[in-house]
C-alpha cells in the first residue's frame, strides 16, 4: 500500500498571501486539520494549522524547552486574545511551517506510520516536483489500514 491511499478525503489549499483570518475560516468551515500553502504554480511551500498559529501566540519564555515555571494562575487571556486579533491580519506565509514533514505519494505505508508516530499529524503528501496530493492524519491512516485487512 502506498501512502497516497491514506490521504484524508477533504483537503484545502491556500495562497501564501491569504490572511490568517481567511485560512482559519476555511479550516473551520471545512472541518480540516490544516491547509497546504501553495504558490501561484501550485507548488507546495508550507503548511498552516491552528496548532502552528497557537504556537505563535505563546510567549517565548513559556514556549522554550524548559519554559518559565509558573506556580500561580496568570490571567493572560486578554493579552493572548489581542495577539490573536493582530495575527489574523498577517499573510499566512508569515506563520506557516516552511519545513513540514512530508512523504512521497508512492512511499510504502509503513513509512507514513513511522513518520506520524515520530512527528505527529498531519503528514503532507508531496511529490518530487512539489505537487501537493493531500494530508494524512492518524484517523485517515488507521481507516486505510483497516480497509486493507483481510477478514478470514
Protein backbone atom coordinates (compact mmCIF):
# COMPACT_ATOMS: atom_id res chain seq x y z
CA UNK A 1 0.00 0.00 0.00
CA UNK A 2 1.33 3.42 -0.90
CA UNK A 3 0.98 6.48 1.34
CA UNK A 4 -1.32 8.30 -1.08
CA UNK A 5 -4.03 5.74 -0.29
CA UNK A 6 -4.27 7.14 3.27
CA UNK A 7 -4.90 10.77 2.33
CA UNK A 8 -7.89 12.41 4.03
CA UNK A 9 -10.91 12.86 1.78
CA UNK A 10 -11.14 16.63 2.25
CA UNK A 11 -8.08 18.86 1.76
CA UNK A 12 -7.82 22.60 1.37
CA UNK A 13 -5.09 24.80 -0.01
CA UNK A 14 -4.33 28.46 0.45
CA UNK A 15 -2.12 31.07 -1.11
CA UNK A 16 0.82 32.46 0.87
CA UNK A 17 -0.83 35.90 0.63
CA UNK A 18 -4.17 34.80 2.11
CA UNK A 19 -4.76 36.26 5.54
CA UNK A 20 -4.56 34.07 8.61
CA UNK A 21 -8.19 35.01 9.30
CA UNK A 22 -9.36 33.78 5.87
CA UNK A 23 -7.48 30.49 6.19
CA UNK A 24 -8.76 29.94 9.74
CA UNK A 25 -12.32 30.42 8.49
CA UNK A 26 -11.73 27.88 5.71
CA UNK A 27 -10.22 25.34 8.14
CA UNK A 28 -13.21 25.70 10.48
CA UNK A 29 -15.79 25.64 7.69
CA UNK A 30 -14.35 22.55 6.02
CA UNK A 31 -13.53 20.88 9.37
CA UNK A 32 -9.98 20.02 8.33
CA UNK A 33 -6.80 19.85 10.40
CA UNK A 34 -4.64 22.16 8.23
CA UNK A 35 -4.27 23.97 4.95
CA UNK A 36 -1.48 23.31 2.49
CA UNK A 37 0.08 26.55 1.32
CA UNK A 38 0.84 26.51 -2.40
CA UNK A 39 2.44 29.13 -4.63
CA UNK A 40 0.97 30.55 -7.85
CA UNK A 41 2.23 27.49 -9.75
CA UNK A 42 0.56 25.07 -7.33
CA UNK A 43 3.85 24.07 -5.71
CA UNK A 44 3.66 23.10 -2.04
CA UNK A 45 5.59 25.61 0.06
CA UNK A 46 4.32 25.01 3.58
CA UNK A 47 1.57 24.08 5.97
CA UNK A 48 -0.71 26.19 8.14
CA UNK A 49 -2.81 24.90 11.03
CA UNK A 50 -4.40 26.17 14.20
CA UNK A 51 -1.64 24.43 16.14
CA UNK A 52 1.02 26.41 14.23
CA UNK A 53 -0.89 29.65 14.80
CA UNK A 54 -1.42 28.97 18.51
CA UNK A 55 2.29 28.22 18.98
CA UNK A 56 2.96 31.72 17.65
CA UNK A 57 0.71 33.22 20.35
CA UNK A 58 2.66 31.67 23.23
CA UNK A 59 5.21 34.00 24.82
CA UNK A 60 8.77 32.94 24.02
CA UNK A 61 9.66 32.37 27.69
CA UNK A 62 6.79 29.90 28.05
CA UNK A 63 7.42 28.06 24.78
CA UNK A 64 11.12 27.40 25.46
CA UNK A 65 12.04 23.75 26.08
CA UNK A 66 12.17 24.18 29.84
CA UNK A 67 9.96 27.27 29.83
CA UNK A 68 9.17 29.50 32.72
CA UNK A 69 7.64 27.60 35.62
CA UNK A 70 4.58 29.43 36.87
CA UNK A 71 3.08 28.27 40.17
CA UNK A 72 0.18 30.72 40.12
CA UNK A 73 -2.62 31.24 37.67
CA UNK A 74 -1.93 34.14 35.34
CA UNK A 75 -4.87 35.73 33.61
CA UNK A 76 -3.24 36.25 30.24
CA UNK A 77 -6.34 35.66 28.14
CA UNK A 78 -6.85 39.33 27.16
CA UNK A 79 -3.23 39.61 26.03
CA UNK A 80 -3.37 36.37 24.05
CA UNK A 81 -6.71 37.36 22.52
CA UNK A 82 -5.23 40.70 21.43
CA UNK A 83 -2.25 38.89 19.89
CA UNK A 84 -4.67 36.64 18.00
CA UNK A 85 -6.50 39.66 16.59
CA UNK A 86 -3.19 41.09 15.40
CA UNK A 87 -2.09 37.76 13.90
CA UNK A 88 -5.33 37.39 11.92
CA UNK A 89 -4.36 40.25 9.62
CA UNK A 90 -1.00 38.72 8.68
CA UNK A 91 -0.45 36.77 5.48
CA UNK A 92 -0.43 33.04 6.19
CA UNK A 93 3.13 32.94 4.78
CA UNK A 94 4.41 34.63 7.95
CA UNK A 95 3.16 31.87 10.27
CA UNK A 96 3.17 28.71 8.13
CA UNK A 97 5.51 25.83 8.78
CA UNK A 98 8.02 26.14 5.93
CA UNK A 99 9.51 22.73 6.56
CA UNK A 100 6.68 20.35 7.44
CA UNK A 101 7.15 16.60 7.48
CA UNK A 102 6.41 15.19 4.03
CA UNK A 103 6.22 11.80 2.40
CA UNK A 104 6.20 10.81 -1.27
CA UNK A 105 2.84 9.58 -2.64
CA UNK A 106 4.22 6.15 -3.56
CA UNK A 107 6.21 5.64 -0.36
CA UNK A 108 5.22 2.45 1.48
CA UNK A 109 2.54 2.89 4.12
CA UNK A 110 4.95 1.78 6.87
CA UNK A 111 6.92 4.97 6.15
CA UNK A 112 3.79 7.02 6.81
CA UNK A 113 3.12 5.10 10.02
CA UNK A 114 6.69 5.69 11.16
CA UNK A 115 6.63 9.43 10.38
CA UNK A 116 3.25 10.00 12.02
CA UNK A 117 4.24 8.20 15.21
CA UNK A 118 7.55 10.10 15.44
CA UNK A 119 6.48 13.55 14.22
CA UNK A 120 2.73 13.79 14.78
CA UNK A 121 -0.03 14.80 12.42
CA UNK A 122 -0.65 15.92 9.79
CA UNK A 123 1.73 14.37 7.30
CA UNK A 124 1.92 16.17 3.93
CA UNK A 125 1.97 14.01 0.81
CA UNK A 126 4.07 15.81 -1.81
CA UNK A 127 5.85 14.52 -4.90
CA UNK A 128 9.39 15.37 -6.03
CA UNK A 129 8.15 18.26 -8.20
CA UNK A 130 6.36 19.87 -5.24
CA UNK A 131 2.83 18.84 -6.21
CA UNK A 132 0.61 18.57 -3.14
CA UNK A 133 -1.53 15.42 -3.01
CA UNK A 134 -3.10 15.78 0.42
CA UNK A 135 -2.66 15.20 4.13
CA UNK A 136 -2.51 12.04 6.17
CA UNK A 137 -3.86 12.09 9.73
CA UNK A 138 -3.90 9.41 12.39
CA UNK A 139 -7.56 8.68 11.60
CA UNK A 140 -7.10 8.53 7.81
CA UNK A 141 -4.13 6.21 8.20
CA UNK A 142 -5.98 3.84 10.51
CA UNK A 143 -9.02 3.92 8.17
CA UNK A 144 -6.80 2.99 5.24
CA UNK A 145 -5.12 0.18 7.16
CA UNK A 146 -8.50 -1.16 8.29
CA UNK A 147 -9.80 -1.12 4.72
CA UNK A 148 -6.96 -3.44 3.72
CA UNK A 149 -7.35 -6.00 6.49
CA UNK A 150 -8.26 -9.42 5.30
CA UNK A 151 -11.14 -10.93 7.21
CA UNK A 152 -10.60 -14.61 7.47
